[in-house]
Amino acid sequence: MAEINWTERWKRVVADRATLAAGHADPGYWDRRARSFARSTQARADEFLQVIEPYLSPSKTLIDVGAGAGRHAGPLAGRLEWVTAVEPSQGMRAQIAPRDNMTVIASTWEDAAVAPADFVICSHVLYGVAEPVSFIEKMNDAARERVFVMMRESELPHPAAVVRKRLLGDEGPRLPRFSELFMVLLEMGIAPDVRFLRYPMTTHYSDIEEAVIDVRALVGEGWDEAKGRAELEELLRREGDDLVYDGGIVLTGVAHWKPNS
């Protein structure tokens, strides 16, 4: 284990995955998916907030790195003096409910200019970050009291993995895992506290066309329009106005630490 360069391994995993995720790399992807993504995340249990809970107080401030549709920034604004939500997608930012004590910054974390805060959180953002060390160092520098980073350890339970396996016989390059984040942190001299969470995960689409666009991008070369669409129609179930994929139970890790420790 000591002979593995975990940062370089991380970069290879991200680069391999990027060969499939053409849709997710498109700046407009999350704009198109914002509403149904917001419904997907709102339906999930949120034990992440329970991990942060013991550290909160009304006088504290927080930065949410990659705030998405505001799933965490909104509730936390009700518990803190101020929240800064950093989110590059206009579609996602449009889903964040305005709060008198929240600033929303239209930027990637790498380019964001933010004042330090007591806490910095980052939930399910690092998967596509090719330079994890500088990304984490910026969070470390921005936090006065504690940094919290959440990532999945299990594979992403996404319908594209099932469709690709049925069409091509494999699920394609994987995403980075929490365990790899942990090893990168150790390489950086950070020994985090760790909490594992398990929760059910569903993916919501507004209609079959949105599902096809999403899954087609993640299947990559070898996509067959007729067969892929048929597989999706078999996998998705109608739930109210949405088409829903049930991904089962996922295992997620939260690493948290005192900055510069």
Protein backbone atom coordinates (compact mmCIF):
# COMPACT_ATOMS: atom_id res chain seq x y z
CA MET A 1 0.00 0.00 0.00
CA ALA A 2 2.85 2.39 0.86
CA GLU A 3 4.25 1.97 -2.67
CA ILE A 4 1.05 3.24 -4.33
CA ASN A 5 0.91 6.88 -5.33
CA TRP A 6 -2.73 7.45 -4.50
CA THR A 7 -2.93 10.91 -6.03
CA GLU A 8 -1.69 9.60 -9.38
CA ARG A 9 -4.03 6.63 -9.11
CA TRP A 10 -6.92 9.03 -8.50
CA LYS A 11 -5.99 11.04 -11.60
CA ARG A 12 -5.96 7.89 -13.76
CA VAL A 13 -9.40 6.84 -12.51
CA VAL A 14 -10.84 10.29 -13.24
CA ALA A 15 -9.24 10.37 -16.70
CA ASP A 16 -10.54 6.90 -17.55
CA ARG A 17 -14.06 7.80 -16.41
CA ALA A 18 -13.98 11.03 -18.42
CA THR A 19 -13.84 8.97 -21.61
CA LEU A 20 -17.47 7.98 -20.92
CA ALA A 21 -18.95 10.97 -19.13
CA ALA A 22 -19.24 13.29 -22.12
CA GLY A 23 -22.66 14.41 -20.97
CA HIS A 24 -21.56 15.16 -17.42
CA ALA A 25 -18.56 17.14 -18.69
CA ASP A 26 -20.86 19.40 -20.69
CA PRO A 27 -21.52 22.62 -18.71
CA GLY A 28 -25.14 22.48 -19.83
CA TYR A 29 -25.69 18.93 -18.58
CA TRP A 30 -26.61 19.90 -15.01
CA ASP A 31 -28.66 22.83 -16.30
CA ARG A 32 -30.87 20.35 -18.15
CA ARG A 33 -30.96 17.85 -15.28
CA ALA A 34 -31.37 20.33 -12.41
CA ARG A 35 -35.08 19.93 -11.68
CA SER A 36 -35.21 16.14 -11.78
CA PHE A 37 -31.86 15.93 -9.94
CA ALA A 38 -33.28 18.12 -7.19
CA ARG A 39 -36.25 15.77 -6.86
CA SER A 40 -33.90 12.77 -6.74
CA THR A 41 -31.82 14.18 -3.88
CA GLN A 42 -34.79 15.51 -1.93
CA ALA A 43 -36.18 11.98 -1.79
CA ARG A 44 -33.08 10.63 -0.03
CA ALA A 45 -32.39 10.35 3.67
CA ASP A 46 -29.74 12.84 4.74
CA GLU A 47 -27.52 11.43 7.46
CA PHE A 48 -24.76 13.81 6.27
CA LEU A 49 -26.45 16.61 8.18
CA GLN A 50 -26.38 14.41 11.29
CA VAL A 51 -22.58 14.14 10.98
CA ILE A 52 -22.28 17.94 10.87
CA GLU A 53 -24.89 18.55 13.59
CA PRO A 54 -22.60 18.37 16.70
CA TYR A 55 -20.44 21.21 15.37
CA LEU A 56 -23.20 23.68 14.48
CA SER A 57 -24.17 26.84 16.33
CA PRO A 58 -26.01 30.03 15.31
CA SER A 59 -22.79 32.08 15.30
CA LYS A 60 -20.93 29.86 12.79
CA THR A 61 -20.45 30.23 9.03
CA LEU A 62 -20.12 27.63 6.27
CA ILE A 63 -19.09 27.19 2.64
CA ASP A 64 -20.88 24.52 0.57
CA VAL A 65 -18.54 23.49 -2.26
CA GLY A 66 -20.61 22.34 -5.23
CA ALA A 67 -23.91 23.15 -3.55
CA GLY A 68 -26.03 21.67 -6.35
CA ALA A 69 -29.72 22.40 -5.83
CA GLY A 70 -29.16 23.53 -2.23
CA ARG A 71 -29.99 20.26 -0.55
CA HIS A 72 -27.57 21.01 2.30
CA ALA A 73 -27.09 24.77 1.99
CA GLY A 74 -30.78 25.50 2.59
CA PRO A 75 -31.26 23.54 5.83
CA LEU A 76 -27.87 24.65 7.15
CA ALA A 77 -28.70 28.31 6.57
CA GLY A 78 -31.45 27.84 9.13
CA ARG A 79 -28.87 26.74 11.71
CA LEU A 80 -25.97 29.10 11.02
CA GLU A 81 -25.15 32.80 10.81
CA TRP A 82 -24.17 32.63 7.13
CA VAL A 83 -23.83 30.10 4.30
CA THR A 84 -21.90 30.58 1.07
CA ALA A 85 -23.06 28.19 -1.68
CA VAL A 86 -20.57 27.73 -4.55
CA GLU A 87 -22.19 26.19 -7.64
CA PRO A 88 -21.16 26.49 -11.33
CA SER A 89 -24.43 25.29 -12.92
CA GLN A 90 -27.02 27.99 -13.57
CA GLY A 91 -29.74 25.35 -13.62
CA MET A 92 -28.72 24.07 -10.20
CA ARG A 93 -28.42 27.56 -8.75
CA ALA A 94 -31.97 28.29 -9.91
CA GLN A 95 -33.19 25.47 -7.61
CA ILE A 96 -31.61 27.01 -4.49
CA ALA A 97 -34.28 28.76 -2.43
CA PRO A 98 -33.22 32.34 -1.56
CA ARG A 99 -32.23 32.96 2.05
CA ASP A 100 -31.39 36.27 3.73
CA ASN A 101 -28.23 34.72 5.18
CA MET A 102 -26.98 32.93 2.08
CA THR A 103 -24.65 34.03 -0.72
CA VAL A 104 -24.70 31.98 -3.94
CA ILE A 105 -21.51 32.16 -6.03
CA ALA A 106 -21.64 31.19 -9.71
CA SER A 107 -18.28 29.46 -10.02
CA THR A 108 -16.36 26.25 -9.85
CA TRP A 109 -14.55 25.77 -6.57
CA GLU A 110 -11.19 26.08 -8.31
CA ASP A 111 -12.06 29.59 -9.55
CA ALA A 112 -14.20 30.80 -6.64
CA ALA A 113 -13.10 33.81 -4.59
CA VAL A 114 -14.53 33.24 -1.11
CA ALA A 115 -13.84 34.53 2.37
CA PRO A 116 -12.89 31.91 5.01
CA ALA A 117 -15.68 30.27 7.00
CA ASP A 118 -15.84 28.13 10.12
CA PHE A 119 -16.85 25.03 8.13
CA VAL A 120 -16.40 23.83 4.55
CA ILE A 121 -18.50 20.95 3.23
CA CYS A 122 -18.24 19.09 -0.08
CA SER A 123 -20.85 16.43 -0.86
CA HIS A 124 -20.48 14.10 -3.87
CA VAL A 125 -18.43 16.60 -5.90
CA LEU A 126 -14.91 15.19 -6.10
CA TYR A 127 -15.64 12.34 -8.53
CA GLY A 128 -14.67 14.35 -11.60
CA VAL A 129 -11.89 16.44 -10.03
CA ALA A 130 -8.64 15.62 -11.82
CA GLU A 131 -6.45 17.56 -9.34
CA PRO A 132 -7.71 16.48 -5.92
CA VAL A 133 -4.80 17.82 -3.86
CA SER A 134 -5.17 21.48 -4.85
CA PHE A 135 -8.97 21.18 -4.58
CA ILE A 136 -8.72 19.82 -1.02
CA GLU A 137 -5.98 22.27 -0.05
CA LYS A 138 -8.24 25.16 -1.02
CA MET A 139 -11.00 23.77 1.20
CA ASN A 140 -8.49 23.30 4.01
CA ASP A 141 -7.30 26.90 3.67
CA ALA A 142 -10.87 28.24 3.61
CA ALA A 143 -11.99 26.44 6.82
CA ARG A 144 -11.28 27.77 10.29
CA GLU A 145 -12.72 24.86 12.27
CA ARG A 146 -13.60 21.79 10.19
CA VAL A 147 -13.81 20.32 6.69
CA PHE A 148 -16.38 17.65 5.73
CA VAL A 149 -16.13 15.64 2.49
CA MET A 150 -18.64 12.98 1.46
CA MET A 151 -18.15 10.40 -1.33
CA ARG A 152 -19.58 7.01 -2.23
CA GLU A 153 -17.60 3.86 -1.56
CA SER A 154 -19.97 1.65 -3.55
CA GLU A 155 -20.33 2.10 -7.28
CA LEU A 156 -22.79 4.71 -8.55
CA PRO A 157 -26.17 2.94 -8.77
CA HIS A 158 -27.13 4.48 -12.09
CA PRO A 159 -29.26 2.96 -14.86
CA ALA A 160 -26.43 3.62 -17.36
CA ALA A 161 -24.28 0.95 -15.68
CA VAL A 162 -27.03 -1.64 -16.09
CA VAL A 163 -27.78 -0.66 -19.69
CA ARG A 164 -24.10 -0.64 -20.67
CA LYS A 165 -23.56 -4.08 -19.13
CA ARG A 166 -26.54 -5.47 -21.05
CA LEU A 167 -25.43 -3.87 -24.32
CA LEU A 168 -21.64 -4.21 -24.08
CA GLY A 169 -20.94 -6.73 -21.32
CA ASP A 170 -19.27 -4.34 -18.85
CA GLU A 171 -20.13 -1.28 -16.76
CA GLY A 172 -17.31 0.89 -18.11
CA PRO A 173 -14.64 2.85 -16.18
CA ARG A 174 -15.57 3.50 -12.57
CA LEU A 175 -15.63 6.65 -10.45
CA PRO A 176 -13.16 7.37 -7.63
CA ARG A 177 -14.17 5.87 -4.28
CA PHE A 178 -14.21 7.14 -0.71
CA SER A 179 -11.41 4.74 0.22
CA GLU A 180 -9.20 6.38 -2.44
CA LEU A 181 -10.05 9.81 -1.05
CA PHE A 182 -8.99 8.56 2.39
CA MET A 183 -5.61 7.45 1.05
CA VAL A 184 -5.09 10.74 -0.81
CA LEU A 185 -5.79 12.57 2.45
CA LEU A 186 -3.19 10.46 4.25
CA GLU A 187 -0.67 11.27 1.51
CA MET A 188 -1.42 14.95 2.16
CA GLY A 189 -0.71 14.50 5.87
CA ILE A 190 -4.40 14.66 6.85
CA ALA A 191 -5.72 11.94 9.18
CA PRO A 192 -9.51 12.42 9.09
CA ASP A 193 -12.24 11.11 11.30
CA VAL A 194 -14.53 8.82 9.28
CA ARG A 195 -18.23 8.06 9.40
CA PHE A 196 -19.91 5.57 7.05
CA LEU A 197 -23.52 6.03 5.96
CA ARG A 198 -25.94 3.71 4.18
CA TYR A 199 -29.08 4.94 2.45
CA PRO A 200 -31.36 4.11 -0.48
CA MET A 201 -30.72 5.95 -3.75
CA THR A 202 -33.08 6.64 -6.63
CA THR A 203 -32.56 8.49 -9.91
CA HIS A 204 -35.46 10.57 -11.22
CA TYR A 205 -36.17 11.66 -14.79
CA SER A 206 -38.93 13.93 -16.06
CA ASP A 207 -39.51 11.70 -19.10
CA ILE A 208 -37.93 8.92 -21.19
CA GLU A 209 -36.13 11.42 -23.44
CA GLU A 210 -34.24 12.92 -20.49
CA ALA A 211 -33.33 9.41 -19.36
CA VAL A 212 -32.07 8.44 -22.81
CA ILE A 213 -29.89 11.56 -23.11
CA ASP A 214 -28.37 10.92 -19.67
CA VAL A 215 -27.75 7.20 -20.12
CA ARG A 216 -26.53 7.50 -23.71
CA ALA A 217 -23.74 9.85 -22.57
CA LEU A 218 -22.59 7.45 -19.85
CA VAL A 219 -22.75 4.34 -22.00
CA GLY A 220 -20.52 5.97 -24.61
CA GLU A 221 -19.46 4.21 -27.79
CA GLY A 222 -21.52 1.12 -28.43
CA TRP A 223 -24.82 2.75 -27.56
CA ASP A 224 -27.68 1.24 -29.54
CA GLU A 225 -30.65 3.62 -29.66
CA ALA A 226 -33.40 1.03 -30.02
CA LYS A 227 -31.98 -1.52 -27.59
CA GLY A 228 -30.85 1.11 -25.07
CA ARG A 229 -34.24 2.77 -25.04
CA ALA A 230 -35.96 -0.59 -24.60
CA GLU A 231 -33.68 -1.50 -21.68
CA LEU A 232 -34.39 1.85 -20.03
CA GLU A 233 -38.13 1.46 -20.39
CA GLU A 234 -37.81 -1.89 -18.63
CA LEU A 235 -35.64 -0.49 -15.80
CA LEU A 236 -37.62 2.67 -15.00
CA ARG A 237 -40.89 2.77 -13.09
CA ARG A 238 -43.53 5.48 -13.08
CA GLU A 239 -43.75 7.40 -9.79
CA GLY A 240 -46.07 10.39 -9.96
CA ASP A 241 -44.81 12.64 -12.75
CA ASP A 242 -41.34 11.03 -12.78
CA LEU A 243 -39.67 7.95 -14.19
CA VAL A 244 -37.57 6.46 -11.39
CA TYR A 245 -34.65 4.05 -11.19
CA ASP A 246 -34.22 2.29 -7.83
CA GLY A 247 -30.49 1.91 -7.18
CA GLY A 248 -30.84 0.12 -3.85
CA ILE A 249 -28.66 0.83 -0.82
CA VAL A 250 -25.38 2.71 -1.28
CA LEU A 251 -22.40 2.91 1.08
CA THR A 252 -20.99 6.40 1.52
CA GLY A 253 -18.15 7.74 3.63
CA VAL A 254 -17.72 11.13 5.28
CA ALA A 255 -14.18 12.26 6.07
CA HIS A 256 -13.91 15.27 8.39
CA TRP A 257 -10.96 16.94 10.03
CA LYS A 258 -9.66 20.07 11.68
CA PRO A 259 -7.93 22.17 8.99
CA ASN A 260 -4.15 22.08 8.87
CA SER A 261 -4.12 19.17 11.33
